[in-house]
All heavy atoms as atom14 arrays in JSON, in Angstrom:
{
  "sequence": "LEFEPAQSRENLRAGYYDMQRFLYGLRGTKYYVDCDWDETKA",
  "atom14_mask": [
    [1, 1, 1, 1, 1, 1, 1, 1, 0, 0, 0, 0, 0, 0],
    [1, 1, 1, 1, 1, 1, 1, 1, 1, 0, 0, 0, 0, 0],
    [1, 1, 1, 1, 1, 1, 1, 1, 1, 1, 1, 0, 0, 0],
    [1, 1, 1, 1, 1, 1, 1, 1, 1, 0, 0, 0, 0, 0],
    [1, 1, 1, 1, 1, 1, 1, 0, 0, 0, 0, 0, 0, 0],
    [1, 1, 1, 1, 1, 0, 0, 0, 0, 0, 0, 0, 0, 0],
    [1, 1, 1, 1, 1, 1, 1, 1, 1, 0, 0, 0, 0, 0],
    [1, 1, 1, 1, 1, 1, 0, 0, 0, 0, 0, 0, 0, 0],
    [1, 1, 1, 1, 1, 1, 1, 1, 1, 1, 1, 0, 0, 0],
    [1, 1, 1, 1, 1, 1, 1, 1, 1, 0, 0, 0, 0, 0],
    [1, 1, 1, 1, 1, 1, 1, 1, 0, 0, 0, 0, 0, 0],
    [1, 1, 1, 1, 1, 1, 1, 1, 0, 0, 0, 0, 0, 0],
    [1, 1, 1, 1, 1, 1, 1, 1, 1, 1, 1, 0, 0, 0],
    [1, 1, 1, 1, 1, 0, 0, 0, 0, 0, 0, 0, 0, 0],
    [1, 1, 1, 1, 0, 0, 0, 0, 0, 0, 0, 0, 0, 0],
    [1, 1, 1, 1, 1, 1, 1, 1, 1, 1, 1, 1, 0, 0],
    [1, 1, 1, 1, 1, 1, 1, 1, 1, 1, 1, 1, 0, 0],
    [1, 1, 1, 1, 1, 1, 1, 1, 0, 0, 0, 0, 0, 0],
    [1, 1, 1, 1, 1, 1, 1, 1, 0, 0, 0, 0, 0, 0],
    [1, 1, 1, 1, 1, 1, 1, 1, 1, 0, 0, 0, 0, 0],
    [1, 1, 1, 1, 1, 1, 1, 1, 1, 1, 1, 0, 0, 0],
    [1, 1, 1, 1, 1, 1, 1, 1, 1, 1, 1, 0, 0, 0],
    [1, 1, 1, 1, 1, 1, 1, 1, 0, 0, 0, 0, 0, 0],
    [1, 1, 1, 1, 1, 1, 1, 1, 1, 1, 1, 1, 0, 0],
    [1, 1, 1, 1, 0, 0, 0, 0, 0, 0, 0, 0, 0, 0],
    [1, 1, 1, 1, 1, 1, 1, 1, 0, 0, 0, 0, 0, 0],
    [1, 1, 1, 1, 1, 1, 1, 1, 1, 1, 1, 0, 0, 0],
    [1, 1, 1, 1, 0, 0, 0, 0, 0, 0, 0, 0, 0, 0],
    [1, 1, 1, 1, 1, 1, 1, 0, 0, 0, 0, 0, 0, 0],
    [1, 1, 1, 1, 1, 1, 1, 1, 1, 0, 0, 0, 0, 0],
    [1, 1, 1, 1, 1, 1, 1, 1, 1, 1, 1, 1, 0, 0],
    [1, 1, 1, 1, 1, 1, 1, 1, 1, 1, 1, 1, 0, 0],
    [1, 1, 1, 1, 1, 1, 1, 0, 0, 0, 0, 0, 0, 0],
    [1, 1, 1, 1, 1, 1, 1, 1, 0, 0, 0, 0, 0, 0],
    [1, 1, 1, 1, 1, 1, 0, 0, 0, 0, 0, 0, 0, 0],
    [1, 1, 1, 1, 1, 1, 1, 1, 0, 0, 0, 0, 0, 0],
    [1, 1, 1, 1, 1, 1, 1, 1, 1, 1, 1, 1, 1, 1],
    [1, 1, 1, 1, 1, 1, 1, 1, 0, 0, 0, 0, 0, 0],
    [1, 1, 1, 1, 1, 1, 1, 1, 1, 0, 0, 0, 0, 0],
    [1, 1, 1, 1, 1, 1, 1, 0, 0, 0, 0, 0, 0, 0],
    [1, 1, 1, 1, 1, 1, 1, 1, 1, 0, 0, 0, 0, 0],
    [1, 1, 1, 1, 1, 0, 0, 0, 0, 0, 0, 0, 0, 0]
  ],
  "atom14_positions": [
    [[-16.19, 12.64, 9.98], [-17.22, 12.18, 10.94], [-17.78, 10.82, 10.6], [-18.79, 10.4, 11.22], [-18.33, 13.2, 11.05], [-18.0, 14.54, 11.68], [-19.16, 15.49, 11.62], [-17.51, 14.37, 13.1], [0.0, 0.0, 0.0], [0.0, 0.0, 0.0], [0.0, 0.0, 0.0], [0.0, 0.0, 0.0], [0.0, 0.0, 0.0], [0.0, 0.0, 0.0]],
    [[-17.19, 10.07, 9.68], [-17.73, 8.79, 9.24], [-17.28, 7.67, 10.19], [-16.46, 6.81, 9.83], [-17.33, 8.47, 7.83], [-18.15, 7.35, 7.16], [-17.82, 7.2, 5.66], [-17.16, 8.12, 5.14], [-18.24, 6.2, 5.07], [0.0, 0.0, 0.0], [0.0, 0.0, 0.0], [0.0, 0.0, 0.0], [0.0, 0.0, 0.0], [0.0, 0.0, 0.0]],
    [[-17.86, 7.62, 11.4], [-17.45, 6.62, 12.4], [-18.26, 5.32, 12.14], [-19.25, 5.05, 12.9], [-17.72, 7.21, 13.82], [-16.82, 8.32, 14.16], [-17.24, 9.63, 14.11], [-15.51, 8.09, 14.57], [-16.37, 10.68, 14.46], [-14.65, 9.11, 14.93], [-15.09, 10.41, 14.83], [0.0, 0.0, 0.0], [0.0, 0.0, 0.0], [0.0, 0.0, 0.0]],
    [[-17.91, 4.59, 11.14], [-18.57, 3.34, 10.81], [-17.57, 2.21, 10.68], [-16.48, 2.41, 10.15], [-19.34, 3.51, 9.49], [-20.52, 4.52, 9.6], [-21.52, 4.36, 8.51], [-21.34, 3.45, 7.67], [-22.49, 5.13, 8.45], [0.0, 0.0, 0.0], [0.0, 0.0, 0.0], [0.0, 0.0, 0.0], [0.0, 0.0, 0.0], [0.0, 0.0, 0.0]],
    [[-17.92, 1.03, 11.18], [-16.97, -0.11, 11.18], [-16.41, -0.44, 9.77], [-15.22, -0.69, 9.63], [-17.79, -1.25, 11.74], [-18.85, -0.62, 12.54], [-19.2, 0.67, 11.84], [0.0, 0.0, 0.0], [0.0, 0.0, 0.0], [0.0, 0.0, 0.0], [0.0, 0.0, 0.0], [0.0, 0.0, 0.0], [0.0, 0.0, 0.0], [0.0, 0.0, 0.0]],
    [[-17.29, -0.46, 8.76], [-16.83, -0.87, 7.43], [-15.77, 0.07, 6.88], [-14.71, -0.39, 6.39], [-18.04, -0.88, 6.47], [0.0, 0.0, 0.0], [0.0, 0.0, 0.0], [0.0, 0.0, 0.0], [0.0, 0.0, 0.0], [0.0, 0.0, 0.0], [0.0, 0.0, 0.0], [0.0, 0.0, 0.0], [0.0, 0.0, 0.0], [0.0, 0.0, 0.0]],
    [[-15.96, 1.4, 7.04], [-14.96, 2.35, 6.58], [-13.7, 2.26, 7.42], [-12.58, 2.33, 6.91], [-15.52, 3.77, 6.62], [-14.58, 4.82, 6.08], [-14.26, 4.68, 4.63], [-15.17, 4.64, 3.78], [-13.0, 4.53, 4.27], [0.0, 0.0, 0.0], [0.0, 0.0, 0.0], [0.0, 0.0, 0.0], [0.0, 0.0, 0.0], [0.0, 0.0, 0.0]],
    [[-13.84, 2.07, 8.71], [-12.66, 1.98, 9.59], [-11.82, 0.8, 9.24], [-10.58, 0.85, 9.29], [-13.1, 1.96, 11.02], [-13.58, 3.18, 11.49], [0.0, 0.0, 0.0], [0.0, 0.0, 0.0], [0.0, 0.0, 0.0], [0.0, 0.0, 0.0], [0.0, 0.0, 0.0], [0.0, 0.0, 0.0], [0.0, 0.0, 0.0], [0.0, 0.0, 0.0]],
    [[-12.45, -0.35, 8.9], [-11.71, -1.52, 8.58], [-10.93, -1.32, 7.27], [-9.79, -1.81, 7.11], [-12.64, -2.75, 8.47], [-13.17, -3.19, 9.8], [-14.32, -4.17, 9.69], [-14.94, -4.38, 11.02], [-16.14, -4.8, 11.2], [-16.98, -4.98, 10.16], [-16.65, -4.97, 12.41], [0.0, 0.0, 0.0], [0.0, 0.0, 0.0], [0.0, 0.0, 0.0]],
    [[-11.54, -0.6, 6.32], [-10.85, -0.27, 5.1], [-9.64, 0.63, 5.41], [-8.56, 0.48, 4.84], [-11.78, 0.44, 4.12], [-12.82, -0.45, 3.46], [-12.2, -1.42, 2.47], [-11.66, -0.96, 1.46], [-12.26, -2.63, 2.75], [0.0, 0.0, 0.0], [0.0, 0.0, 0.0], [0.0, 0.0, 0.0], [0.0, 0.0, 0.0], [0.0, 0.0, 0.0]],
    [[-9.83, 1.57, 6.31], [-8.75, 2.48, 6.66], [-7.62, 1.78, 7.39], [-6.47, 2.17, 7.21], [-9.29, 3.64, 7.51], [-10.27, 4.55, 6.69], [-10.29, 4.45, 5.49], [-10.94, 5.4, 7.38], [0.0, 0.0, 0.0], [0.0, 0.0, 0.0], [0.0, 0.0, 0.0], [0.0, 0.0, 0.0], [0.0, 0.0, 0.0], [0.0, 0.0, 0.0]],
    [[-7.96, 0.79, 8.23], [-6.92, 0.01, 8.84], [-6.04, -0.67, 7.81], [-4.79, -0.68, 7.92], [-7.53, -1.04, 9.77], [-8.06, -0.58, 11.17], [-8.92, -1.67, 11.77], [-6.89, -0.25, 12.09], [0.0, 0.0, 0.0], [0.0, 0.0, 0.0], [0.0, 0.0, 0.0], [0.0, 0.0, 0.0], [0.0, 0.0, 0.0], [0.0, 0.0, 0.0]],
    [[-6.69, -1.3, 6.84], [-5.93, -1.99, 5.76], [-5.12, -0.98, 4.97], [-3.96, -1.23, 4.59], [-6.9, -2.74, 4.85], [-7.44, -4.03, 5.43], [-8.15, -4.87, 4.44], [-9.45, -4.28, 4.08], [-10.57, -4.67, 4.65], [-10.58, -5.57, 5.62], [-11.74, -4.07, 4.29], [0.0, 0.0, 0.0], [0.0, 0.0, 0.0], [0.0, 0.0, 0.0]],
    [[-5.7, 0.17, 4.66], [-4.99, 1.19, 3.92], [-3.72, 1.64, 4.64], [-2.62, 1.77, 4.02], [-5.87, 2.41, 3.6], [0.0, 0.0, 0.0], [0.0, 0.0, 0.0], [0.0, 0.0, 0.0], [0.0, 0.0, 0.0], [0.0, 0.0, 0.0], [0.0, 0.0, 0.0], [0.0, 0.0, 0.0], [0.0, 0.0, 0.0], [0.0, 0.0, 0.0]],
    [[-3.83, 1.92, 5.94], [-2.7, 2.3, 6.7], [-1.6, 1.24, 6.73], [-0.42, 1.54, 6.65], [0.0, 0.0, 0.0], [0.0, 0.0, 0.0], [0.0, 0.0, 0.0], [0.0, 0.0, 0.0], [0.0, 0.0, 0.0], [0.0, 0.0, 0.0], [0.0, 0.0, 0.0], [0.0, 0.0, 0.0], [0.0, 0.0, 0.0], [0.0, 0.0, 0.0]],
    [[-2.01, -0.01, 6.9], [-1.07, -1.1, 6.98], [-0.26, -1.21, 5.68], [0.94, -1.32, 5.68], [-1.85, -2.41, 7.25], [-0.99, -3.67, 7.29], [-0.24, -3.95, 8.42], [-0.92, -4.51, 6.2], [0.57, -5.11, 8.47], [-0.13, -5.65, 6.22], [0.61, -5.92, 7.35], [1.38, -7.06, 7.4], [0.0, 0.0, 0.0], [0.0, 0.0, 0.0]],
    [[-0.99, -1.22, 4.52], [-0.29, -1.41, 3.28], [0.47, -0.19, 2.81], [1.48, -0.31, 2.15], [-1.24, -1.89, 2.19], [-1.57, -3.37, 2.33], [-2.78, -3.79, 2.94], [-0.66, -4.33, 1.96], [-3.08, -5.14, 3.06], [-0.95, -5.68, 2.11], [-2.13, -6.07, 2.66], [-2.4, -7.42, 2.86], [0.0, 0.0, 0.0], [0.0, 0.0, 0.0]],
    [[-0.04, 1.03, 3.13], [0.72, 2.24, 2.79], [2.02, 2.3, 3.56], [3.07, 2.73, 3.05], [-0.1, 3.47, 3.05], [-1.11, 3.74, 1.93], [-1.04, 3.09, 0.86], [-2.04, 4.58, 2.15], [0.0, 0.0, 0.0], [0.0, 0.0, 0.0], [0.0, 0.0, 0.0], [0.0, 0.0, 0.0], [0.0, 0.0, 0.0], [0.0, 0.0, 0.0]],
    [[2.02, 1.84, 4.81], [3.25, 1.8, 5.59], [4.18, 0.71, 5.02], [5.39, 0.9, 4.99], [2.94, 1.54, 7.04], [4.21, 1.52, 7.95], [5.22, 2.98, 7.84], [4.25, 4.13, 8.78], [0.0, 0.0, 0.0], [0.0, 0.0, 0.0], [0.0, 0.0, 0.0], [0.0, 0.0, 0.0], [0.0, 0.0, 0.0], [0.0, 0.0, 0.0]],
    [[3.61, -0.4, 4.57], [4.38, -1.44, 3.9], [5.06, -0.86, 2.67], [6.2, -1.14, 2.38], [3.51, -2.64, 3.53], [2.92, -3.43, 4.68], [3.72, -4.66, 5.0], [4.95, -4.6, 5.13], [3.09, -5.75, 5.09], [0.0, 0.0, 0.0], [0.0, 0.0, 0.0], [0.0, 0.0, 0.0], [0.0, 0.0, 0.0], [0.0, 0.0, 0.0]],
    [[4.31, -0.05, 1.9], [4.87, 0.6, 0.73], [6.12, 1.42, 1.1], [7.13, 1.32, 0.42], [3.83, 1.5, 0.08], [4.26, 2.21, -1.21], [3.35, 3.33, -1.61], [1.96, 2.88, -1.77], [1.5, 2.32, -2.89], [2.29, 2.15, -3.88], [0.2, 1.98, -2.98], [0.0, 0.0, 0.0], [0.0, 0.0, 0.0], [0.0, 0.0, 0.0]],
    [[6.02, 2.17, 2.19], [7.13, 2.97, 2.62], [8.3, 2.14, 3.11], [9.43, 2.35, 2.75], [6.67, 3.95, 3.75], [7.79, 4.58, 4.5], [8.53, 5.59, 3.95], [8.17, 4.13, 5.78], [9.61, 6.18, 4.63], [9.21, 4.69, 6.46], [9.91, 5.74, 5.88], [0.0, 0.0, 0.0], [0.0, 0.0, 0.0], [0.0, 0.0, 0.0]],
    [[8.02, 1.1, 3.96], [9.06, 0.34, 4.6], [9.85, -0.5, 3.6], [11.06, -0.69, 3.71], [8.46, -0.56, 5.65], [7.88, 0.09, 6.91], [7.15, -0.95, 7.76], [8.98, 0.78, 7.69], [0.0, 0.0, 0.0], [0.0, 0.0, 0.0], [0.0, 0.0, 0.0], [0.0, 0.0, 0.0], [0.0, 0.0, 0.0], [0.0, 0.0, 0.0]],
    [[9.14, -1.03, 2.57], [9.77, -1.99, 1.65], [9.96, -1.44, 0.22], [10.32, -2.22, -0.69], [8.98, -3.29, 1.63], [8.91, -3.95, 2.96], [7.79, -3.87, 3.77], [10.01, -4.67, 3.49], [7.75, -4.47, 5.02], [9.97, -5.27, 4.73], [8.86, -5.16, 5.53], [8.83, -5.75, 6.76], [0.0, 0.0, 0.0], [0.0, 0.0, 0.0]],
    [[9.62, -0.21, 0.03], [9.8, 0.39, -1.31], [8.84, -0.15, -2.33], [9.23, -0.3, -3.51], [0.0, 0.0, 0.0], [0.0, 0.0, 0.0], [0.0, 0.0, 0.0], [0.0, 0.0, 0.0], [0.0, 0.0, 0.0], [0.0, 0.0, 0.0], [0.0, 0.0, 0.0], [0.0, 0.0, 0.0], [0.0, 0.0, 0.0], [0.0, 0.0, 0.0]],
    [[7.66, -0.54, -1.95], [6.66, -1.05, -2.87], [6.23, 0.04, -3.85], [6.29, 1.21, -3.52], [5.44, -1.61, -2.13], [5.7, -2.68, -1.06], [4.38, -3.13, -0.45], [6.42, -3.86, -1.68], [0.0, 0.0, 0.0], [0.0, 0.0, 0.0], [0.0, 0.0, 0.0], [0.0, 0.0, 0.0], [0.0, 0.0, 0.0], [0.0, 0.0, 0.0]],
    [[5.87, -0.36, -5.03], [5.48, 0.6, -6.06], [4.06, 0.32, -6.52], [3.41, -0.65, -6.11], [6.43, 0.53, -7.24], [7.91, 0.71, -6.79], [8.86, 0.75, -7.93], [8.65, 1.84, -8.82], [9.63, 2.49, -9.43], [10.88, 2.18, -9.2], [9.41, 3.47, -10.29], [0.0, 0.0, 0.0], [0.0, 0.0, 0.0], [0.0, 0.0, 0.0]],
    [[3.55, 1.21, -7.39], [2.21, 1.05, -7.92], [1.26, 2.12, -7.39], [1.55, 2.8, -6.38], [0.0, 0.0, 0.0], [0.0, 0.0, 0.0], [0.0, 0.0, 0.0], [0.0, 0.0, 0.0], [0.0, 0.0, 0.0], [0.0, 0.0, 0.0], [0.0, 0.0, 0.0], [0.0, 0.0, 0.0], [0.0, 0.0, 0.0], [0.0, 0.0, 0.0]],
    [[0.14, 2.3, -8.09], [-0.86, 3.25, -7.68], [-2.15, 2.59, -7.22], [-2.84, 3.09, -6.34], [-1.15, 4.23, -8.8], [-1.55, 3.5, -9.95], [0.08, 5.05, -9.17], [0.0, 0.0, 0.0], [0.0, 0.0, 0.0], [0.0, 0.0, 0.0], [0.0, 0.0, 0.0], [0.0, 0.0, 0.0], [0.0, 0.0, 0.0], [0.0, 0.0, 0.0]],
    [[-2.48, 1.46, -7.84], [-3.73, 0.72, -7.5], [-3.42, -0.49, -6.62], [-4.31, -0.95, -5.87], [-4.43, 0.28, -8.78], [-4.87, 1.41, -9.67], [-5.54, 0.86, -10.95], [-5.96, 2.0, -11.85], [-6.55, 1.46, -13.15], [0.0, 0.0, 0.0], [0.0, 0.0, 0.0], [0.0, 0.0, 0.0], [0.0, 0.0, 0.0], [0.0, 0.0, 0.0]],
    [[-2.22, -0.99, -6.74], [-1.83, -2.16, -5.99], [-0.44, -1.89, -5.3], [0.12, -0.82, -5.54], [-1.66, -3.41, -6.89], [-2.97, -3.94, -7.45], [-3.53, -3.44, -8.59], [-3.63, -4.92, -6.77], [-4.71, -3.89, -9.08], [-4.85, -5.45, -7.27], [-5.36, -4.88, -8.41], [-6.57, -5.37, -8.91], [0.0, 0.0, 0.0], [0.0, 0.0, 0.0]],
    [[-0.01, -2.82, -4.46], [1.25, -2.72, -3.81], [2.19, -3.75, -4.44], [2.07, -4.94, -4.2], [1.06, -2.96, -2.32], [0.11, -1.97, -1.71], [-1.24, -2.24, -1.65], [0.57, -0.78, -1.19], [-2.15, -1.3, -1.08], [-0.3, 0.18, -0.62], [-1.63, -0.08, -0.57], [-2.51, 0.83, -0.03], [0.0, 0.0, 0.0], [0.0, 0.0, 0.0]],
    [[3.06, -3.26, -5.32], [3.86, -4.15, -6.17], [5.27, -4.24, -5.61], [5.98, -3.24, -5.44], [3.88, -3.63, -7.61], [4.7, -4.57, -8.49], [2.49, -3.38, -8.16], [0.0, 0.0, 0.0], [0.0, 0.0, 0.0], [0.0, 0.0, 0.0], [0.0, 0.0, 0.0], [0.0, 0.0, 0.0], [0.0, 0.0, 0.0], [0.0, 0.0, 0.0]],
    [[5.67, -5.44, -5.33], [7.0, -5.71, -4.87], [7.91, -6.0, -6.06], [7.76, -7.01, -6.75], [7.01, -6.97, -3.93], [8.37, -7.33, -3.41], [9.26, -6.45, -3.4], [8.57, -8.52, -3.03], [0.0, 0.0, 0.0], [0.0, 0.0, 0.0], [0.0, 0.0, 0.0], [0.0, 0.0, 0.0], [0.0, 0.0, 0.0], [0.0, 0.0, 0.0]],
    [[8.82, -5.14, -6.35], [9.75, -5.32, -7.42], [11.11, -4.72, -7.11], [11.24, -3.6, -6.78], [9.19, -4.7, -8.74], [8.91, -2.93, -8.63], [0.0, 0.0, 0.0], [0.0, 0.0, 0.0], [0.0, 0.0, 0.0], [0.0, 0.0, 0.0], [0.0, 0.0, 0.0], [0.0, 0.0, 0.0], [0.0, 0.0, 0.0], [0.0, 0.0, 0.0]],
    [[12.08, -5.53, -7.17], [13.45, -5.1, -6.92], [14.2, -5.05, -8.27], [15.11, -5.83, -8.49], [14.14, -6.07, -5.96], [15.49, -5.57, -5.5], [15.75, -4.37, -5.67], [16.33, -6.38, -5.0], [0.0, 0.0, 0.0], [0.0, 0.0, 0.0], [0.0, 0.0, 0.0], [0.0, 0.0, 0.0], [0.0, 0.0, 0.0], [0.0, 0.0, 0.0]],
    [[13.78, -4.09, -9.12], [14.31, -4.0, -10.45], [15.1, -2.73, -10.62], [14.83, -1.72, -10.01], [13.18, -3.99, -11.54], [12.2, -5.1, -11.43], [12.4, -6.36, -10.96], [10.85, -5.04, -11.8], [11.25, -7.11, -11.04], [10.26, -6.31, -11.56], [10.01, -4.03, -12.33], [8.92, -6.59, -11.8], [8.66, -4.3, -12.57], [8.14, -5.59, -12.3]],
    [[16.09, -2.77, -11.51], [16.65, -1.56, -12.11], [16.05, -1.47, -13.52], [15.33, -2.37, -13.95], [18.2, -1.55, -12.12], [18.76, -2.78, -12.83], [18.03, -3.42, -13.68], [19.95, -3.08, -12.58], [0.0, 0.0, 0.0], [0.0, 0.0, 0.0], [0.0, 0.0, 0.0], [0.0, 0.0, 0.0], [0.0, 0.0, 0.0], [0.0, 0.0, 0.0]],
    [[16.38, -0.39, -14.25], [15.8, -0.23, -15.59], [16.2, -1.34, -16.54], [15.42, -1.75, -17.38], [16.16, 1.14, -16.14], [15.24, 2.26, -15.7], [15.15, 3.38, -16.72], [16.02, 4.26, -16.66], [14.25, 3.43, -17.58], [0.0, 0.0, 0.0], [0.0, 0.0, 0.0], [0.0, 0.0, 0.0], [0.0, 0.0, 0.0], [0.0, 0.0, 0.0]],
    [[17.41, -1.8, -16.43], [17.92, -2.84, -17.33], [17.11, -4.11, -17.16], [16.67, -4.75, -18.11], [19.38, -3.14, -17.09], [20.19, -1.96, -17.31], [19.89, -4.24, -18.02], [0.0, 0.0, 0.0], [0.0, 0.0, 0.0], [0.0, 0.0, 0.0], [0.0, 0.0, 0.0], [0.0, 0.0, 0.0], [0.0, 0.0, 0.0], [0.0, 0.0, 0.0]],
    [[16.84, -4.46, -15.88], [16.04, -5.64, -15.61], [14.58, -5.49, -16.07], [14.0, -6.39, -16.57], [16.11, -5.96, -14.14], [15.43, -7.31, -13.76], [15.64, -7.66, -12.28], [14.99, -8.99, -11.96], [15.2, -9.34, -10.51], [0.0, 0.0, 0.0], [0.0, 0.0, 0.0], [0.0, 0.0, 0.0], [0.0, 0.0, 0.0], [0.0, 0.0, 0.0]],
    [[14.03, -4.27, -15.85], [12.66, -4.03, -16.25], [12.53, -4.12, -17.78], [11.58, -4.68, -18.29], [12.2, -2.65, -15.77], [0.0, 0.0, 0.0], [0.0, 0.0, 0.0], [0.0, 0.0, 0.0], [0.0, 0.0, 0.0], [0.0, 0.0, 0.0], [0.0, 0.0, 0.0], [0.0, 0.0, 0.0], [0.0, 0.0, 0.0], [0.0, 0.0, 0.0]]
  ]
}
């Protein structure tokens, strides 16, 4: 029931970047990390 602009704007950003995580295989828990590594490269 938290219909407030500030929270909604945060949720818009969260949805955008979480979908980016899915679409591009981004990793991380606190950030959205773009890394095209295998274990050898890491």
